[in-house]
Amino acid sequence: MASSTVRTTPHPPGYVQGRQHSIAGRPLTLLTDFDVDAYNRNARGRITVDGAAVGPLAAAERDDLAFLWRLDSAAISEARAFLATWTGNEARVTAFVATWAYERLWLSYAVRDLLVADGSPLPEPLGRHTLRARLRDAYVERGLPLVAPIWTSIVGESVTAGHMARLAIQESSLQAAYRVLLPRLDGEAARVVSTIIERRDEMIRFFSMEASARITRSPQEARMAKLALHSGWKPLRIVGVADPDEPRAMASIFRTEGDRARLASADDGLRRLLAERPTGFRGAASPSPGLLARKDRHGIRA
């Protein structure tokens, strides 16, 4: 009887028992302690706003809320940007996002209801899109849907770590913005904004847990998270496109050192985690303190 020879091929660096992002004998899908099914079952609906109880909003508060309304209402753009990539293959992520997108929509509707409670039209953004922002917007609308699926299919599942890290920090940054704006509001406006702040907790928890689990399970995913959080990325921009009112709004919302420190702390947990990961990647080796609050002529930049 002819004997058979079993050939073995050494795995590339980072692989263990033929796997890079999972452990033999365990499910291939990454599972954290976050209960996605419960989140979807218990989805909260629209925040009711008593228009008659909304007092007059000062011009600055009105413009600041309008800026945040535009960011919250653009969740579908964020979702489209990453669901067109490898991340769209992640069942737990897509299941969560299906409800998250609606919850973000309800948050934006609540802010919109505050803005139009007195019968005024929605404020237009102050300022104009820069040439760079217009080019970025054109790329997001036309180029990204074509390019992202190709390069992320080559890189594979590790790109999800970057997406989860970005969304964790974006949600934390939006929560920080509403928190520092809250003391300038009263009555019904303060109640609605307090509810928006509270509803963000579960969103932040999911994205933070997903990002942390991926960053800690493989060097490649940590590298992709660091790459996603490069110094040019700003969390309070939708798919990287700056709002025309961004310079004024950032200086107005984050007025004090304490306000700016709250914004800067939005990425503290993930920044520390990434600093501890030996990835060998120097492109964003250790996001510098204050990554989200670099100062410019307006005093702060998102």
Protein backbone atom coordinates (compact mmCIF):
# COMPACT_ATOMS: atom_id res chain seq x y z
CA MET A 1 0.00 0.00 0.00
CA ALA A 2 1.40 3.34 -0.97
CA SER A 3 2.03 5.63 1.91
CA SER A 4 0.66 9.15 1.78
CA THR A 5 2.71 12.13 2.72
CA VAL A 6 1.06 14.96 4.59
CA ARG A 7 2.49 18.29 3.57
CA THR A 8 2.40 21.19 5.92
CA THR A 9 2.77 24.83 4.99
CA PRO A 10 3.96 27.34 7.57
CA HIS A 11 1.39 29.99 8.33
CA PRO A 12 2.19 33.68 7.84
CA PRO A 13 3.05 35.69 10.96
CA GLY A 14 0.08 36.28 13.23
CA TYR A 15 -1.73 33.05 12.36
CA VAL A 16 -2.41 30.39 15.00
CA GLN A 17 -3.80 26.99 13.98
CA GLY A 18 -4.64 28.36 10.57
CA ARG A 19 -6.57 31.34 11.88
CA GLN A 20 -5.67 34.97 12.34
CA HIS A 21 -8.81 36.52 13.80
CA SER A 22 -10.45 33.61 15.60
CA ILE A 23 -9.65 30.57 17.72
CA ALA A 24 -10.18 26.99 16.53
CA GLY A 25 -13.28 25.48 18.08
CA ARG A 26 -14.92 28.84 18.68
CA PRO A 27 -17.51 30.58 16.48
CA LEU A 28 -16.07 32.57 13.59
CA THR A 29 -18.34 35.53 14.41
CA LEU A 30 -16.87 37.79 17.05
CA LEU A 31 -19.17 37.90 20.06
CA THR A 32 -19.03 40.49 22.82
CA ASP A 33 -21.21 40.80 25.90
CA PHE A 34 -23.43 43.35 24.17
CA ASP A 35 -26.90 41.86 23.57
CA VAL A 36 -27.77 43.04 20.05
CA ASP A 37 -31.10 41.18 20.05
CA ALA A 38 -32.19 42.98 23.22
CA TYR A 39 -31.08 46.32 21.80
CA ASN A 40 -33.20 45.76 18.70
CA ARG A 41 -36.20 44.53 20.69
CA ASN A 42 -36.07 47.48 23.05
CA ALA A 43 -35.46 50.14 20.41
CA ARG A 44 -36.72 53.49 21.60
CA GLY A 45 -38.87 55.55 19.32
CA ARG A 46 -39.15 59.21 18.60
CA ILE A 47 -38.57 61.68 21.43
CA THR A 48 -41.76 63.66 21.94
CA VAL A 49 -41.16 67.40 22.06
CA ASP A 50 -43.73 69.77 23.57
CA GLY A 51 -43.37 72.65 21.14
CA ALA A 52 -45.48 74.98 23.28
CA ALA A 53 -43.08 74.48 26.20
CA VAL A 54 -39.93 75.28 24.22
CA GLY A 55 -38.74 78.72 25.21
CA PRO A 56 -36.98 81.11 22.84
CA LEU A 57 -33.52 79.93 21.84
CA ALA A 58 -30.69 82.45 21.76
CA ALA A 59 -29.01 82.83 18.37
CA ALA A 60 -25.81 81.00 19.38
CA GLU A 61 -27.64 78.08 20.97
CA ARG A 62 -29.92 77.82 17.97
CA ASP A 63 -26.99 77.71 15.54
CA ASP A 64 -25.10 75.21 17.71
CA LEU A 65 -28.11 72.89 17.88
CA ALA A 66 -28.55 73.20 14.11
CA PHE A 67 -24.93 72.11 13.62
CA LEU A 68 -25.48 69.03 15.81
CA TRP A 69 -28.80 68.32 14.10
CA ARG A 70 -27.04 68.11 10.73
CA LEU A 71 -24.48 65.69 12.14
CA ASP A 72 -27.05 63.44 13.79
CA SER A 73 -29.33 63.42 10.77
CA ALA A 74 -26.52 62.16 8.53
CA ALA A 75 -26.20 58.73 10.18
CA ILE A 76 -27.34 57.04 6.97
CA SER A 77 -24.30 58.49 5.17
CA GLU A 78 -22.01 57.01 7.81
CA ALA A 79 -23.77 53.66 7.64
CA ARG A 80 -23.62 53.55 3.85
CA ALA A 81 -19.90 54.33 3.91
CA PHE A 82 -18.98 51.28 5.96
CA LEU A 83 -21.72 48.85 4.95
CA ALA A 84 -20.41 49.08 1.38
CA THR A 85 -17.16 47.58 2.65
CA TRP A 86 -16.16 44.30 4.24
CA THR A 87 -17.95 45.43 7.41
CA GLY A 88 -21.25 44.74 5.66
CA ASN A 89 -20.42 41.02 6.09
CA GLU A 90 -20.47 41.31 9.88
CA ALA A 91 -23.94 40.08 10.85
CA ARG A 92 -23.97 41.45 14.41
CA VAL A 93 -22.78 44.85 13.22
CA THR A 94 -25.38 45.13 10.47
CA ALA A 95 -28.11 43.96 12.87
CA PHE A 96 -27.13 46.65 15.36
CA VAL A 97 -26.79 49.35 12.72
CA ALA A 98 -30.31 48.69 11.42
CA THR A 99 -31.66 49.97 14.75
CA TRP A 100 -28.86 52.46 15.47
CA ALA A 101 -29.59 54.36 12.24
CA TYR A 102 -33.23 54.76 13.26
CA GLU A 103 -32.29 55.86 16.77
CA ARG A 104 -29.93 58.48 15.37
CA LEU A 105 -32.80 59.62 13.14
CA TRP A 106 -35.08 60.02 16.17
CA LEU A 107 -32.39 62.05 17.93
CA SER A 108 -32.08 64.36 14.95
CA TYR A 109 -35.86 64.72 14.73
CA ALA A 110 -35.96 65.80 18.37
CA VAL A 111 -33.38 68.54 17.76
CA ARG A 112 -35.21 69.60 14.62
CA ASP A 113 -38.46 69.88 16.61
CA LEU A 114 -36.71 72.19 19.08
CA LEU A 115 -35.46 74.38 16.25
CA VAL A 116 -38.85 74.78 14.56
CA ALA A 117 -40.99 74.91 17.72
CA ASP A 118 -41.56 78.66 17.35
CA GLY A 119 -42.48 78.35 13.68
CA SER A 120 -39.07 79.47 12.42
CA PRO A 121 -37.46 77.65 9.47
CA LEU A 122 -34.45 75.44 10.08
CA PRO A 123 -31.28 77.52 10.27
CA GLU A 124 -29.04 77.36 7.24
CA PRO A 125 -25.39 76.49 7.90
CA LEU A 126 -23.22 79.55 8.33
CA GLY A 127 -20.22 79.69 6.01
CA ARG A 128 -19.52 77.79 2.83
CA HIS A 129 -18.03 74.46 1.91
CA THR A 130 -14.33 74.80 1.20
CA LEU A 131 -12.94 73.45 -2.05
CA ARG A 132 -11.39 70.59 -0.11
CA ALA A 133 -14.74 69.76 1.48
CA ARG A 134 -16.50 69.85 -1.89
CA LEU A 135 -13.92 67.50 -3.39
CA ARG A 136 -14.24 65.18 -0.40
CA ASP A 137 -18.03 65.26 -0.73
CA ALA A 138 -17.80 64.36 -4.42
CA TYR A 139 -15.50 61.45 -3.59
CA VAL A 140 -17.86 60.18 -0.87
CA GLU A 141 -20.85 60.32 -3.22
CA ARG A 142 -19.22 58.87 -6.34
CA GLY A 143 -15.81 57.38 -5.66
CA LEU A 144 -16.20 55.73 -2.26
CA PRO A 145 -18.97 53.28 -3.30
CA LEU A 146 -16.70 52.03 -6.09
CA VAL A 147 -13.32 52.05 -4.37
CA ALA A 148 -14.13 50.93 -0.81
CA PRO A 149 -15.55 47.47 -1.66
CA ILE A 150 -12.43 46.62 -3.68
CA TRP A 151 -9.68 47.56 -1.27
CA THR A 152 -11.53 46.32 1.82
CA SER A 153 -12.17 42.95 0.19
CA ILE A 154 -8.41 42.67 -0.23
CA VAL A 155 -7.64 43.70 3.36
CA GLY A 156 -10.47 41.62 4.81
CA GLU A 157 -12.25 41.65 8.12
CA SER A 158 -9.66 43.77 9.92
CA VAL A 159 -11.15 46.94 8.40
CA THR A 160 -14.12 46.53 10.73
CA ALA A 161 -11.92 47.40 13.70
CA GLY A 162 -11.29 50.82 12.17
CA HIS A 163 -14.97 51.41 11.48
CA MET A 164 -15.98 50.44 15.01
CA ALA A 165 -13.28 52.66 16.53
CA ARG A 166 -14.38 55.64 14.47
CA LEU A 167 -18.04 55.25 15.34
CA ALA A 168 -17.27 54.76 19.03
CA ILE A 169 -15.36 58.02 19.07
CA GLN A 170 -17.91 59.84 16.90
CA GLU A 171 -20.75 58.89 19.23
CA SER A 172 -18.69 59.84 22.29
CA SER A 173 -17.80 63.18 20.69
CA LEU A 174 -21.42 63.93 19.84
CA GLN A 175 -22.42 63.09 23.40
CA ALA A 176 -19.69 65.41 24.68
CA ALA A 177 -21.00 68.21 22.45
CA TYR A 178 -24.53 67.87 23.80
CA ARG A 179 -23.23 67.66 27.38
CA VAL A 180 -21.34 70.94 27.21
CA LEU A 181 -24.28 72.63 25.46
CA LEU A 182 -26.80 71.43 28.06
CA PRO A 183 -26.05 74.09 30.77
CA ARG A 184 -26.89 76.81 28.25
CA LEU A 185 -30.42 75.43 27.79
CA ASP A 186 -33.43 75.26 30.07
CA GLY A 187 -36.96 73.91 30.23
CA GLU A 188 -38.10 71.62 27.44
CA ALA A 189 -34.91 72.12 25.42
CA ALA A 190 -32.80 70.95 28.37
CA ARG A 191 -35.05 67.91 28.90
CA VAL A 192 -34.81 66.87 25.26
CA VAL A 193 -31.04 67.28 25.12
CA SER A 194 -30.68 65.32 28.37
CA THR A 195 -32.63 62.47 26.77
CA ILE A 196 -30.39 62.59 23.69
CA ILE A 197 -27.31 62.35 25.93
CA GLU A 198 -28.73 59.36 27.82
CA ARG A 199 -29.77 57.48 24.68
CA ARG A 200 -26.22 57.60 23.35
CA ASP A 201 -24.88 55.43 26.15
CA GLU A 202 -25.83 52.12 24.51
CA MET A 203 -24.55 53.25 21.11
CA ILE A 204 -21.17 54.12 22.60
CA ARG A 205 -21.06 50.87 24.56
CA PHE A 206 -21.64 48.71 21.48
CA PHE A 207 -19.09 50.40 19.22
CA SER A 208 -16.50 50.62 22.02
CA MET A 209 -16.87 46.92 22.88
CA GLU A 210 -16.66 45.88 19.23
CA ALA A 211 -13.59 48.05 18.62
CA SER A 212 -11.82 46.93 21.80
CA ALA A 213 -12.45 43.23 21.14
CA ARG A 214 -11.01 43.48 17.64
CA ILE A 215 -8.04 45.61 18.63
CA THR A 216 -7.02 43.14 21.33
CA ARG A 217 -7.47 39.93 19.34
CA SER A 218 -4.99 40.57 16.51
CA PRO A 219 -2.14 42.95 15.59
CA GLN A 220 -3.62 43.45 12.11
CA GLU A 221 -6.90 44.76 13.49
CA ALA A 222 -5.04 47.08 15.86
CA ARG A 223 -3.07 48.39 12.89
CA MET A 224 -6.27 49.07 10.93
CA ALA A 225 -7.82 50.87 13.90
CA LYS A 226 -4.74 53.06 14.22
CA LEU A 227 -4.82 53.77 10.51
CA ALA A 228 -8.51 54.72 10.69
CA LEU A 229 -7.78 57.17 13.51
CA HIS A 230 -5.03 59.01 11.64
CA SER A 231 -4.46 62.65 12.55
CA GLY A 232 -6.44 63.93 9.57
CA TRP A 233 -9.65 62.22 10.67
CA LYS A 234 -12.09 64.34 12.67
CA PRO A 235 -15.01 62.68 14.51
CA LEU A 236 -17.46 65.56 14.15
CA ARG A 237 -17.49 65.32 10.37
CA ILE A 238 -19.78 63.09 8.37
CA VAL A 239 -17.73 60.60 6.34
CA GLY A 240 -14.88 63.08 6.62
CA VAL A 241 -16.78 66.03 5.10
CA ALA A 242 -16.70 69.19 7.22
CA ASP A 243 -19.93 71.10 7.80
CA PRO A 244 -19.74 74.67 6.42
CA ASP A 245 -20.46 75.97 9.93
CA GLU A 246 -17.79 73.85 11.61
CA PRO A 247 -15.27 76.59 12.59
CA ARG A 248 -17.91 78.76 14.28
CA ALA A 249 -19.76 75.84 15.85
CA MET A 250 -16.69 74.18 17.34
CA ALA A 251 -15.52 77.44 18.93
CA SER A 252 -19.03 78.17 20.21
CA ILE A 253 -19.86 74.73 21.61
CA PHE A 254 -16.48 74.01 23.22
CA ARG A 255 -15.91 77.39 24.80
CA THR A 256 -13.83 76.56 27.87
CA GLU A 257 -10.81 74.45 28.66
CA GLY A 258 -13.14 72.07 30.48
CA ASP A 259 -15.35 71.75 27.41
CA ARG A 260 -12.38 71.03 25.21
CA ALA A 261 -11.04 68.50 27.71
CA ARG A 262 -14.39 66.68 27.61
CA LEU A 263 -14.14 66.44 23.83
CA ALA A 264 -10.52 65.32 23.96
CA SER A 265 -11.42 62.56 26.44
CA ALA A 266 -13.87 61.03 23.95
CA ASP A 267 -11.10 58.81 22.59
CA ASP A 268 -9.24 58.16 25.85
CA GLY A 269 -10.13 54.49 26.24
CA LEU A 270 -9.33 53.43 22.69
CA ARG A 271 -6.22 55.63 22.58
CA ARG A 272 -4.80 53.90 25.66
CA LEU A 273 -5.69 50.49 24.29
CA LEU A 274 -4.02 51.19 20.95
CA ALA A 275 -0.93 52.56 22.67
CA GLU A 276 -0.55 49.21 24.41
CA ARG A 277 -0.82 47.12 21.24
CA PRO A 278 2.51 46.07 19.63
CA THR A 279 1.55 46.42 15.98
CA GLY A 280 4.78 47.59 14.40
CA PHE A 281 2.75 50.24 12.56
CA ARG A 282 4.07 53.77 12.81
CA GLY A 283 1.55 55.67 10.71
CA ALA A 284 -0.57 56.46 13.74
CA ALA A 285 1.53 54.67 16.31
CA SER A 286 0.10 56.47 19.30
CA PRO A 287 -2.65 58.99 18.75
CA SER A 288 -1.36 62.08 20.48
CA PRO A 289 -3.14 63.54 23.51
CA GLY A 290 -5.78 65.96 22.33
CA LEU A 291 -6.22 64.20 18.99
CA LEU A 292 -9.81 65.39 18.89
CA ALA A 293 -9.14 68.91 20.15
CA ARG A 294 -6.21 70.35 18.25
CA LYS A 295 -6.26 74.12 18.43
CA ASP A 296 -6.38 76.50 15.50
CA ARG A 297 -7.27 80.16 15.05
CA HIS A 298 -10.78 79.42 16.38
CA GLY A 299 -9.38 77.89 19.55
CA ILE A 300 -10.39 74.34 18.68
CA ARG A 301 -10.66 72.01 15.73
CA ALA A 302 -12.83 68.91 15.65
